[in-house]
Amino acid sequence: MKKTVTPLRSLCAALAALVLLLALAVPAFAAESGFADLYYRLNDSAEVLTEDENSELEASLEELSVRQSFDVTIATIDSLESEGYTSMEEYADDLYDYCQFGYGADRDGVLLLVSTGDREWHISTCGYGITAFTDAGIDYIGEQIVPYLSDKDFAGAFATYITLCDEFITQA
């Protein structure tokens, strides 16, 4: 007896093959972008931004990071103690690693961490970020954003940070 394939069975097989092809292609496209894209580039855990400010800054970070092929990120926390840390540098470095920030194999990028309760900030760099953001450059960025942070104008501080990051990356 000869078996025949029904049109419905052929359609199901074709759809299954298409789904499998798309599932395999998505990671390939993600890998080509150079970014892990596991977390947002703006993590406002301290909830210091309005929804509109958050959206606008996130869009700016996304545009800058993609255009420069360099991950520019920001995170806020209530306090180091609430996160179980005593060092801003240690927490910023661990956060950068945990979120898998960075572009490419060397994970090029920069992270601004602001602890609102401790009234501290730290900039962490990785890959080409170590070259683009010297200690003097980081100090300069700090001098520019601290007045905004002191006034609790976090959106202003973050917008200034983004603008300066763009300039530093371009100059490097």
Protein backbone atom coordinates (compact mmCIF):
# COMPACT_ATOMS: atom_id res chain seq x y z
CA MET A 1 0.00 0.00 0.00
CA LYS A 2 1.35 3.40 -0.99
CA LYS A 3 1.30 6.19 1.62
CA THR A 4 0.52 9.69 0.48
CA VAL A 5 1.38 12.89 2.30
CA THR A 6 -1.59 15.13 2.91
CA PRO A 7 -1.29 18.84 2.22
CA LEU A 8 -1.93 19.58 5.91
CA ARG A 9 0.94 17.35 7.00
CA SER A 10 3.26 19.05 4.47
CA LEU A 11 2.22 22.47 5.74
CA CYS A 12 2.90 21.46 9.36
CA ALA A 13 6.33 20.13 8.43
CA ALA A 14 7.18 23.32 6.56
CA LEU A 15 6.03 25.49 9.49
CA ALA A 16 8.04 23.39 11.94
CA ALA A 17 11.14 23.79 9.77
CA LEU A 18 10.57 27.54 9.56
CA VAL A 19 10.19 27.87 13.35
CA LEU A 20 13.39 25.87 13.86
CA LEU A 21 15.24 28.02 11.33
CA LEU A 22 14.09 31.23 13.05
CA ALA A 23 15.01 29.90 16.49
CA LEU A 24 18.53 29.19 15.30
CA ALA A 25 18.85 32.50 13.45
CA VAL A 26 17.90 34.78 16.38
CA PRO A 27 21.01 33.95 18.47
CA ALA A 28 23.15 34.46 15.38
CA PHE A 29 21.75 37.97 14.89
CA ALA A 30 22.24 38.75 18.60
CA ALA A 31 25.85 37.58 18.42
CA GLU A 32 26.47 39.75 15.36
CA SER A 33 25.35 42.86 17.25
CA GLY A 34 28.24 42.43 19.70
CA PHE A 35 26.04 43.09 22.75
CA ALA A 36 24.65 40.51 25.16
CA ASP A 37 21.39 42.51 25.53
CA LEU A 38 20.37 40.63 28.67
CA TYR A 39 19.57 43.73 30.72
CA TYR A 40 18.53 47.30 30.07
CA ARG A 41 21.32 49.82 29.83
CA LEU A 42 19.54 51.91 32.47
CA ASN A 43 18.79 50.09 35.73
CA ASP A 44 17.03 52.55 38.05
CA SER A 45 16.66 50.35 41.14
CA ALA A 46 16.55 53.45 43.38
CA GLU A 47 13.58 54.73 41.34
CA VAL A 48 14.90 58.29 41.04
CA LEU A 49 13.63 58.87 37.50
CA THR A 50 10.16 59.45 36.13
CA GLU A 51 8.88 57.04 33.51
CA ASP A 52 9.43 59.64 30.77
CA GLU A 53 12.99 60.39 31.94
CA ASN A 54 13.74 56.67 32.09
CA SER A 55 12.45 56.11 28.55
CA GLU A 56 14.32 59.10 27.12
CA LEU A 57 17.62 58.18 28.79
CA GLU A 58 17.29 54.52 27.83
CA ALA A 59 16.78 55.54 24.20
CA SER A 60 19.85 57.81 24.36
CA LEU A 61 21.96 55.02 25.85
CA GLU A 62 20.77 52.59 23.19
CA GLU A 63 21.47 54.99 20.32
CA LEU A 64 24.92 55.91 21.65
CA SER A 65 25.95 52.33 22.41
CA VAL A 66 24.94 51.00 19.01
CA ARG A 67 26.40 53.96 17.09
CA GLN A 68 29.74 53.80 18.92
CA SER A 69 29.85 49.97 19.22
CA PHE A 70 30.58 50.57 22.91
CA ASP A 71 28.24 49.79 25.81
CA VAL A 72 27.31 52.87 27.88
CA THR A 73 25.25 51.97 30.96
CA ILE A 74 23.84 53.50 34.15
CA ALA A 75 22.60 51.94 37.39
CA THR A 76 21.13 53.40 40.57
CA ILE A 77 20.80 51.71 43.95
CA ASP A 78 19.40 52.80 47.31
CA SER A 79 22.58 51.94 49.22
CA LEU A 80 25.55 49.62 49.18
CA GLU A 81 24.35 48.04 52.42
CA SER A 82 21.02 47.10 50.83
CA GLU A 83 22.99 45.30 48.11
CA GLY A 84 25.32 43.59 50.60
CA TYR A 85 28.44 45.50 49.53
CA THR A 86 30.86 47.94 51.15
CA SER A 87 32.71 49.14 48.03
CA MET A 88 31.24 51.08 45.10
CA GLU A 89 34.01 49.82 42.82
CA GLU A 90 33.41 46.19 43.76
CA TYR A 91 29.65 46.46 43.28
CA ALA A 92 29.97 48.32 39.95
CA ASP A 93 32.44 45.75 38.62
CA ASP A 94 30.27 42.84 39.78
CA LEU A 95 27.14 44.43 38.28
CA TYR A 96 28.91 44.97 34.95
CA ASP A 97 29.98 41.32 34.90
CA TYR A 98 26.64 39.92 36.12
CA CYS A 99 24.63 41.84 33.51
CA GLN A 100 27.17 40.87 30.84
CA PHE A 101 27.48 44.47 29.68
CA GLY A 102 30.03 45.34 27.03
CA TYR A 103 30.55 45.19 23.31
CA GLY A 104 32.51 42.47 21.55
CA ALA A 105 35.00 39.96 22.86
CA ASP A 106 36.69 42.49 25.18
CA ARG A 107 33.31 43.70 26.50
CA ASP A 108 34.09 47.35 25.75
CA GLY A 109 32.02 49.65 27.89
CA VAL A 110 31.49 51.98 30.80
CA LEU A 111 29.05 51.90 33.75
CA LEU A 112 28.00 54.77 36.00
CA LEU A 113 26.76 53.53 39.38
CA VAL A 114 24.97 55.96 41.72
CA SER A 115 24.11 55.03 45.30
CA THR A 116 21.50 57.56 46.40
CA GLY A 117 21.51 56.68 50.10
CA ASP A 118 25.29 56.76 50.36
CA ARG A 119 25.55 59.84 48.12
CA GLU A 120 28.33 58.17 46.16
CA TRP A 121 29.03 57.43 42.52
CA HIS A 122 31.53 55.28 40.67
CA ILE A 123 32.45 54.77 37.03
CA SER A 124 33.61 51.31 36.03
CA THR A 125 35.28 50.60 32.68
CA CYS A 126 36.03 47.45 30.74
CA GLY A 127 37.89 46.58 27.54
CA TYR A 128 38.50 49.65 25.40
CA GLY A 129 36.72 51.67 28.08
CA ILE A 130 39.90 51.50 30.16
CA THR A 131 41.71 53.38 27.37
CA ALA A 132 38.89 55.78 26.50
CA PHE A 133 38.18 56.76 30.12
CA THR A 134 41.39 57.61 31.95
CA ASP A 135 41.38 58.40 35.67
CA ALA A 136 41.57 62.10 34.78
CA GLY A 137 38.65 61.70 32.39
CA ILE A 138 36.57 59.91 35.02
CA ASP A 139 37.37 62.69 37.51
CA TYR A 140 36.28 65.27 34.92
CA ILE A 141 32.98 63.47 34.32
CA GLY A 142 32.46 63.34 38.07
CA GLU A 143 33.04 67.10 38.36
CA GLN A 144 30.38 67.66 35.69
CA ILE A 145 27.71 65.35 37.15
CA VAL A 146 28.14 65.96 40.91
CA PRO A 147 26.30 69.33 40.90
CA TYR A 148 23.29 67.62 39.30
CA LEU A 149 23.48 64.71 41.74
CA SER A 150 23.72 67.14 44.69
CA ASP A 151 20.54 68.84 43.49
CA LYS A 152 18.90 65.40 43.02
CA ASP A 153 18.58 66.15 39.31
CA PHE A 154 19.43 62.60 38.32
CA ALA A 155 18.10 62.98 34.78
CA GLY A 156 20.38 65.98 34.26
CA ALA A 157 23.37 64.10 35.68
CA PHE A 158 22.71 61.10 33.46
CA ALA A 159 22.15 63.19 30.33
CA THR A 160 25.47 64.96 31.00
CA TYR A 161 27.19 61.60 31.54
CA ILE A 162 25.82 60.29 28.23
CA THR A 163 26.97 63.40 26.33
CA LEU A 164 30.44 63.23 27.85
CA CYS A 165 30.73 59.49 27.17
CA ASP A 166 29.97 60.15 23.52
CA GLU A 167 32.70 62.81 23.39
CA PHE A 168 35.28 60.64 25.20
CA ILE A 169 34.63 57.62 22.99
CA THR A 170 34.84 59.75 19.85
CA GLN A 171 38.09 61.37 20.98
CA ALA A 172 39.64 58.03 21.94
